[in-house]
Amino acid sequence: MHYPRLRDLREDRELKQKEVAYILGIDQRVYSTYETGRREIPTRFVVKLAGFYNTSTDYILGRTNIT
């Protein structure tokens, strides 16, 4: 699965992958694999990022266009 909104949300806030990875407590290289869809992002990280970005998990997962 590809998660293009992860990148969009991060770039809208002018954050680096390394900064978001730090928030999640993971290595930047692992976070990169989530953005590119090479690995499926764990649910706990989707929930944490939804809270961080003040949006819904459905928005991050591409199930809605409503932020």
PDB file of N, CA and C in Angstrom:
ATOM      1  N   MET A   1       0.841  -1.184   0.000  1.00  0.00           N
ATOM      2  CA  MET A   1       0.000   0.000   0.000  1.00  0.00           C
ATOM      3  C   MET A   1       0.883   1.244   0.000  1.00  0.00           C
ATOM      4  N   HIS A   2       0.475   2.229  -0.753  1.00  0.00           N
ATOM      5  CA  HIS A   2       1.211   3.492  -0.866  1.00  0.00           C
ATOM      6  C   HIS A   2       0.518   4.550  -0.009  1.00  0.00           C
ATOM      7  N   TYR A   3       1.286   5.372   0.676  1.00  0.00           N
ATOM      8  CA  TYR A   3       0.742   6.385   1.584  1.00  0.00           C
ATOM      9  C   TYR A   3       1.207   7.779   1.172  1.00  0.00           C
ATOM     10  N   PRO A   4       0.739   8.306   0.045  1.00  0.00           N
ATOM     11  CA  PRO A   4       1.216   9.615  -0.416  1.00  0.00           C
ATOM     12  C   PRO A   4       0.886  10.755   0.537  1.00  0.00           C
ATOM     13  N   ARG A   5      -0.147  10.592   1.323  1.00  0.00           N
ATOM     14  CA  ARG A   5      -0.518  11.685   2.234  1.00  0.00           C
ATOM     15  C   ARG A   5       0.481  11.857   3.366  1.00  0.00           C
ATOM     16  N   LEU A   6       1.211  10.804   3.697  1.00  0.00           N
ATOM     17  CA  LEU A   6       2.249  10.946   4.713  1.00  0.00           C
ATOM     18  C   LEU A   6       3.265  11.997   4.278  1.00  0.00           C
ATOM     19  N   ARG A   7       3.665  11.905   3.051  1.00  0.00           N
ATOM     20  CA  ARG A   7       4.638  12.863   2.527  1.00  0.00           C
ATOM     21  C   ARG A   7       4.028  14.268   2.436  1.00  0.00           C
ATOM     22  N   ASP A   8       2.801  14.344   1.936  1.00  0.00           N
ATOM     23  CA  ASP A   8       2.134  15.638   1.809  1.00  0.00           C
ATOM     24  C   ASP A   8       1.997  16.329   3.166  1.00  0.00           C
ATOM     25  N   LEU A   9       1.541  15.594   4.165  1.00  0.00           N
ATOM     26  CA  LEU A   9       1.378  16.173   5.498  1.00  0.00           C
ATOM     27  C   LEU A   9       2.720  16.638   6.060  1.00  0.00           C
ATOM     28  N   ARG A  10       3.734  15.820   5.869  1.00  0.00           N
ATOM     29  CA  ARG A  10       5.071  16.168   6.379  1.00  0.00           C
ATOM     30  C   ARG A  10       5.609  17.414   5.681  1.00  0.00           C
ATOM     31  N   GLU A  11       5.505  17.437   4.358  1.00  0.00           N
ATOM     32  CA  GLU A  11       6.045  18.575   3.608  1.00  0.00           C
ATOM     33  C   GLU A  11       5.248  19.855   3.845  1.00  0.00           C
ATOM     34  N   ASP A  12       3.937  19.733   4.058  1.00  0.00           N
ATOM     35  CA  ASP A  12       3.120  20.919   4.361  1.00  0.00           C
ATOM     36  C   ASP A  12       3.596  21.611   5.634  1.00  0.00           C
ATOM     37  N   ARG A  13       4.186  20.849   6.523  1.00  0.00           N
ATOM     38  CA  ARG A  13       4.698  21.413   7.787  1.00  0.00           C
ATOM     39  C   ARG A  13       6.208  21.624   7.752  1.00  0.00           C
ATOM     40  N   GLU A  14       6.765  21.443   6.569  1.00  0.00           N
ATOM     41  CA  GLU A  14       8.197  21.641   6.341  1.00  0.00           C
ATOM     42  C   GLU A  14       9.054  20.816   7.291  1.00  0.00           C
ATOM     43  N   LEU A  15       8.664  19.558   7.457  1.00  0.00           N
ATOM     44  CA  LEU A  15       9.402  18.630   8.297  1.00  0.00           C
ATOM     45  C   LEU A  15      10.226  17.693   7.434  1.00  0.00           C
ATOM     46  N   LYS A  16      11.309  17.226   7.973  1.00  0.00           N
ATOM     47  CA  LYS A  16      12.151  16.216   7.332  1.00  0.00           C
ATOM     48  C   LYS A  16      11.686  14.837   7.793  1.00  0.00           C
ATOM     49  N   GLN A  17      11.971  13.833   6.991  1.00  0.00           N
ATOM     50  CA  GLN A  17      11.641  12.467   7.386  1.00  0.00           C
ATOM     51  C   GLN A  17      12.260  12.125   8.735  1.00  0.00           C
ATOM     52  N   LYS A  18      13.459  12.599   8.955  1.00  0.00           N
ATOM     53  CA  LYS A  18      14.170  12.310  10.203  1.00  0.00           C
ATOM     54  C   LYS A  18      13.392  12.839  11.413  1.00  0.00           C
ATOM     55  N   GLU A  19      12.768  14.000  11.261  1.00  0.00           N
ATOM     56  CA  GLU A  19      12.015  14.596  12.372  1.00  0.00           C
ATOM     57  C   GLU A  19      10.753  13.786  12.680  1.00  0.00           C
ATOM     58  N   VAL A  20      10.066  13.343  11.641  1.00  0.00           N
ATOM     59  CA  VAL A  20       8.860  12.540  11.856  1.00  0.00           C
ATOM     60  C   VAL A  20       9.240  11.175  12.426  1.00  0.00           C
ATOM     61  N   ALA A  21      10.310  10.609  11.924  1.00  0.00           N
ATOM     62  CA  ALA A  21      10.790   9.328  12.443  1.00  0.00           C
ATOM     63  C   ALA A  21      11.118   9.443  13.930  1.00  0.00           C
ATOM     64  N   TYR A  22      11.703  10.555  14.339  1.00  0.00           N
ATOM     65  CA  TYR A  22      12.032  10.776  15.749  1.00  0.00           C
ATOM     66  C   TYR A  22      10.757  10.773  16.598  1.00  0.00           C
ATOM     67  N   ILE A  23       9.722  11.422  16.103  1.00  0.00           N
ATOM     68  CA  ILE A  23       8.445  11.468  16.822  1.00  0.00           C
ATOM     69  C   ILE A  23       7.886  10.059  17.016  1.00  0.00           C
ATOM     70  N   LEU A  24       8.080   9.212  16.014  1.00  0.00           N
ATOM     71  CA  LEU A  24       7.585   7.837  16.088  1.00  0.00           C
ATOM     72  C   LEU A  24       8.542   6.911  16.831  1.00  0.00           C
ATOM     73  N   GLY A  25       9.760   7.370  17.064  1.00  0.00           N
ATOM     74  CA  GLY A  25      10.741   6.546  17.760  1.00  0.00           C
ATOM     75  C   GLY A  25      11.346   5.473  16.874  1.00  0.00           C
ATOM     76  N   ILE A  26      11.476   5.804  15.573  1.00  0.00           N
ATOM     77  CA  ILE A  26      12.040   4.850  14.621  1.00  0.00           C
ATOM     78  C   ILE A  26      13.141   5.516  13.802  1.00  0.00           C
ATOM     79  N   ASP A  27      13.858   4.722  13.056  1.00  0.00           N
ATOM     80  CA  ASP A  27      14.912   5.226  12.182  1.00  0.00           C
ATOM     81  C   ASP A  27      14.291   5.874  10.941  1.00  0.00           C
ATOM     82  N   GLN A  28      14.945   6.876  10.412  1.00  0.00           N
ATOM     83  CA  GLN A  28      14.469   7.581   9.224  1.00  0.00           C
ATOM     84  C   GLN A  28      14.304   6.646   8.040  1.00  0.00           C
ATOM     85  N   ARG A  29      15.201   5.683   7.909  1.00  0.00           N
ATOM     86  CA  ARG A  29      15.118   4.752   6.778  1.00  0.00           C
ATOM     87  C   ARG A  29      13.847   3.909   6.838  1.00  0.00           C
ATOM     88  N   VAL A  30      13.436   3.542   8.038  1.00  0.00           N
ATOM     89  CA  VAL A  30      12.196   2.778   8.199  1.00  0.00           C
ATOM     90  C   VAL A  30      11.007   3.665   7.841  1.00  0.00           C
ATOM     91  N   TYR A  31      11.021   4.897   8.335  1.00  0.00           N
ATOM     92  CA  TYR A  31       9.923   5.813   8.016  1.00  0.00           C
ATOM     93  C   TYR A  31       9.816   6.012   6.507  1.00  0.00           C
ATOM     94  N   SER A  32      10.932   6.126   5.839  1.00  0.00           N
ATOM     95  CA  SER A  32      10.942   6.308   4.391  1.00  0.00           C
ATOM     96  C   SER A  32      10.218   5.159   3.683  1.00  0.00           C
ATOM     97  N   THR A  33      10.382   3.957   4.191  1.00  0.00           N
ATOM     98  CA  THR A  33       9.717   2.810   3.567  1.00  0.00           C
ATOM     99  C   THR A  33       8.200   2.887   3.713  1.00  0.00           C
ATOM    100  N   TYR A  34       7.720   3.573   4.751  1.00  0.00           N
ATOM    101  CA  TYR A  34       6.275   3.765   4.908  1.00  0.00           C
ATOM    102  C   TYR A  34       5.764   4.770   3.881  1.00  0.00           C
ATOM    103  N   GLU A  35       6.478   5.876   3.715  1.00  0.00           N
ATOM    104  CA  GLU A  35       6.056   6.901   2.755  1.00  0.00           C
ATOM    105  C   GLU A  35       6.019   6.354   1.333  1.00  0.00           C
ATOM    106  N   THR A  36       6.973   5.538   0.993  1.00  0.00           N
ATOM    107  CA  THR A  36       7.063   5.026  -0.375  1.00  0.00           C
ATOM    108  C   THR A  36       6.217   3.772  -0.594  1.00  0.00           C
ATOM    109  N   GLY A  37       5.679   3.210   0.477  1.00  0.00           N
ATOM    110  CA  GLY A  37       4.837   2.036   0.355  1.00  0.00           C
ATOM    111  C   GLY A  37       5.593   0.730   0.264  1.00  0.00           C
ATOM    112  N   ARG A  38       6.886   0.768   0.536  1.00  0.00           N
ATOM    113  CA  ARG A  38       7.659  -0.474   0.527  1.00  0.00           C
ATOM    114  C   ARG A  38       7.353  -1.333   1.739  1.00  0.00           C
ATOM    115  N   ARG A  39       6.835  -0.701   2.800  1.00  0.00           N
ATOM    116  CA  ARG A  39       6.393  -1.416   3.997  1.00  0.00           C
ATOM    117  C   ARG A  39       5.059  -0.834   4.412  1.00  0.00           C
ATOM    118  N   GLU A  40       4.230  -1.678   4.972  1.00  0.00           N
ATOM    119  CA  GLU A  40       2.954  -1.211   5.482  1.00  0.00           C
ATOM    120  C   GLU A  40       3.176  -0.561   6.848  1.00  0.00           C
ATOM    121  N   ILE A  41       2.569   0.594   7.036  1.00  0.00           N
ATOM    122  CA  ILE A  41       2.759   1.316   8.288  1.00  0.00           C
ATOM    123  C   ILE A  41       1.900   0.690   9.389  1.00  0.00           C
ATOM    124  N   PRO A  42       2.485   0.428  10.544  1.00  0.00           N
ATOM    125  CA  PRO A  42       1.710  -0.152  11.645  1.00  0.00           C
ATOM    126  C   PRO A  42       0.592   0.795  12.109  1.00  0.00           C
ATOM    127  N   THR A  43      -0.497   0.194  12.528  1.00  0.00           N
ATOM    128  CA  THR A  43      -1.661   0.966  12.971  1.00  0.00           C
ATOM    129  C   THR A  43      -1.302   1.967  14.057  1.00  0.00           C
ATOM    130  N   ARG A  44      -0.457   1.575  14.993  1.00  0.00           N
ATOM    131  CA  ARG A  44      -0.119   2.484  16.099  1.00  0.00           C
ATOM    132  C   ARG A  44       0.556   3.752  15.585  1.00  0.00           C
ATOM    133  N   PHE A  45       1.312   3.654  14.489  1.00  0.00           N
ATOM    134  CA  PHE A  45       1.953   4.832  13.928  1.00  0.00           C
ATOM    135  C   PHE A  45       0.955   5.694  13.166  1.00  0.00           C
ATOM    136  N   VAL A  46       0.001   5.072  12.503  1.00  0.00           N
ATOM    137  CA  VAL A  46      -1.046   5.837  11.814  1.00  0.00           C
ATOM    138  C   VAL A  46      -1.826   6.653  12.837  1.00  0.00           C
ATOM    139  N   VAL A  47      -2.163   6.041  13.941  1.00  0.00           N
ATOM    140  CA  VAL A  47      -2.904   6.728  15.000  1.00  0.00           C
ATOM    141  C   VAL A  47      -2.076   7.871  15.581  1.00  0.00           C
ATOM    142  N   LYS A  48      -0.811   7.614  15.841  1.00  0.00           N
ATOM    143  CA  LYS A  48       0.064   8.644  16.410  1.00  0.00           C
ATOM    144  C   LYS A  48       0.226   9.815  15.441  1.00  0.00           C
ATOM    145  N   LEU A  49       0.398   9.531  14.155  1.00  0.00           N
ATOM    146  CA  LEU A  49       0.557  10.598  13.169  1.00  0.00           C
ATOM    147  C   LEU A  49      -0.741  11.380  12.969  1.00  0.00           C
ATOM    148  N   ALA A  50      -1.872  10.713  13.049  1.00  0.00           N
ATOM    149  CA  ALA A  50      -3.159  11.413  12.943  1.00  0.00           C
ATOM    150  C   ALA A  50      -3.285  12.435  14.068  1.00  0.00           C
ATOM    151  N   GLY A  51      -2.895  12.054  15.259  1.00  0.00           N
ATOM    152  CA  GLY A  51      -2.912  12.994  16.380  1.00  0.00           C
ATOM    153  C   GLY A  51      -1.917  14.123  16.186  1.00  0.00           C
ATOM    154  N   PHE A  52      -0.737  13.790  15.741  1.00  0.00           N
ATOM    155  CA  PHE A  52       0.309  14.791  15.525  1.00  0.00           C
ATOM    156  C   PHE A  52      -0.099  15.812  14.465  1.00  0.00           C
ATOM    157  N   TYR A  53      -0.674  15.324  13.362  1.00  0.00           N
ATOM    158  CA  TYR A  53      -1.065  16.207  12.266  1.00  0.00           C
ATOM    159  C   TYR A  53      -2.481  16.762  12.430  1.00  0.00           C
ATOM    160  N   ASN A  54      -3.161  16.361  13.496  1.00  0.00           N
ATOM    161  CA  ASN A  54      -4.527  16.825  13.769  1.00  0.00           C
ATOM    162  C   ASN A  54      -5.460  16.502  12.594  1.00  0.00           C
ATOM    163  N   THR A  55      -5.422  15.271  12.172  1.00  0.00           N
ATOM    164  CA  THR A  55      -6.274  14.792  11.088  1.00  0.00           C
ATOM    165  C   THR A  55      -6.780  13.404  11.453  1.00  0.00           C
ATOM    166  N   SER A  56      -7.524  12.788  10.571  1.00  0.00           N
ATOM    167  CA  SER A  56      -8.051  11.455  10.860  1.00  0.00           C
ATOM    168  C   SER A  56      -7.155  10.370  10.262  1.00  0.00           C
ATOM    169  N   THR A  57      -7.274   9.195  10.833  1.00  0.00           N
ATOM    170  CA  THR A  57      -6.546   8.065  10.273  1.00  0.00           C
ATOM    171  C   THR A  57      -7.072   7.758   8.869  1.00  0.00           C
ATOM    172  N   ASP A  58      -8.357   7.940   8.651  1.00  0.00           N
ATOM    173  CA  ASP A  58      -8.924   7.707   7.316  1.00  0.00           C
ATOM    174  C   ASP A  58      -8.312   8.641   6.284  1.00  0.00           C
ATOM    175  N   TYR A  59      -8.038   9.872   6.658  1.00  0.00           N
ATOM    176  CA  TYR A  59      -7.399  10.804   5.729  1.00  0.00           C
ATOM    177  C   TYR A  59      -5.988  10.317   5.380  1.00  0.00           C
ATOM    178  N   ILE A  60      -5.229   9.926   6.378  1.00  0.00           N
ATOM    179  CA  ILE A  60      -3.872   9.437   6.138  1.00  0.00           C
ATOM    180  C   ILE A  60      -3.897   8.207   5.228  1.00  0.00           C
ATOM    181  N   LEU A  61      -4.869   7.340   5.431  1.00  0.00           N
ATOM    182  CA  LEU A  61      -4.955   6.111   4.655  1.00  0.00           C
ATOM    183  C   LEU A  61      -5.613   6.299   3.292  1.00  0.00           C
ATOM    184  N   GLY A  62      -6.072   7.520   3.009  1.00  0.00           N
ATOM    185  CA  GLY A  62      -6.662   7.800   1.709  1.00  0.00           C
ATOM    186  C   GLY A  62      -8.107   7.350   1.564  1.00  0.00           C
ATOM    187  N   ARG A  63      -8.777   7.125   2.691  1.00  0.00           N
ATOM    188  CA  ARG A  63     -10.169   6.667   2.652  1.00  0.00           C
ATOM    189  C   ARG A  63     -11.154   7.816   2.595  1.00  0.00           C
ATOM    190  N   THR A  64     -10.681   9.041   2.849  1.00  0.00           N
ATOM    191  CA  THR A  64     -11.506  10.236   2.757  1.00  0.00           C
ATOM    192  C   THR A  64     -10.627  11.398   2.343  1.00  0.00           C
ATOM    193  N   ASN A  65     -11.254  12.401   1.772  1.00  0.00           N
ATOM    194  CA  ASN A  65     -10.522  13.623   1.409  1.00  0.00           C
ATOM    195  C   ASN A  65     -10.745  14.732   2.426  1.00  0.00           C
ATOM    196  N   ILE A  66     -11.491  14.441   3.459  1.00  0.00           N
ATOM    197  CA  ILE A  66     -11.765  15.409   4.518  1.00  0.00           C
ATOM    198  C   ILE A  66     -10.667  15.299   5.573  1.00  0.00           C
ATOM    199  N   THR A  67      -9.944  16.391   5.769  1.00  0.00           N
ATOM    200  CA  THR A  67      -8.844  16.359   6.726  1.00  0.00           C
ATOM    201  C   THR A  67      -9.377  16.383   8.138  1.00  0.00           C
TER     202      THR A  67
END
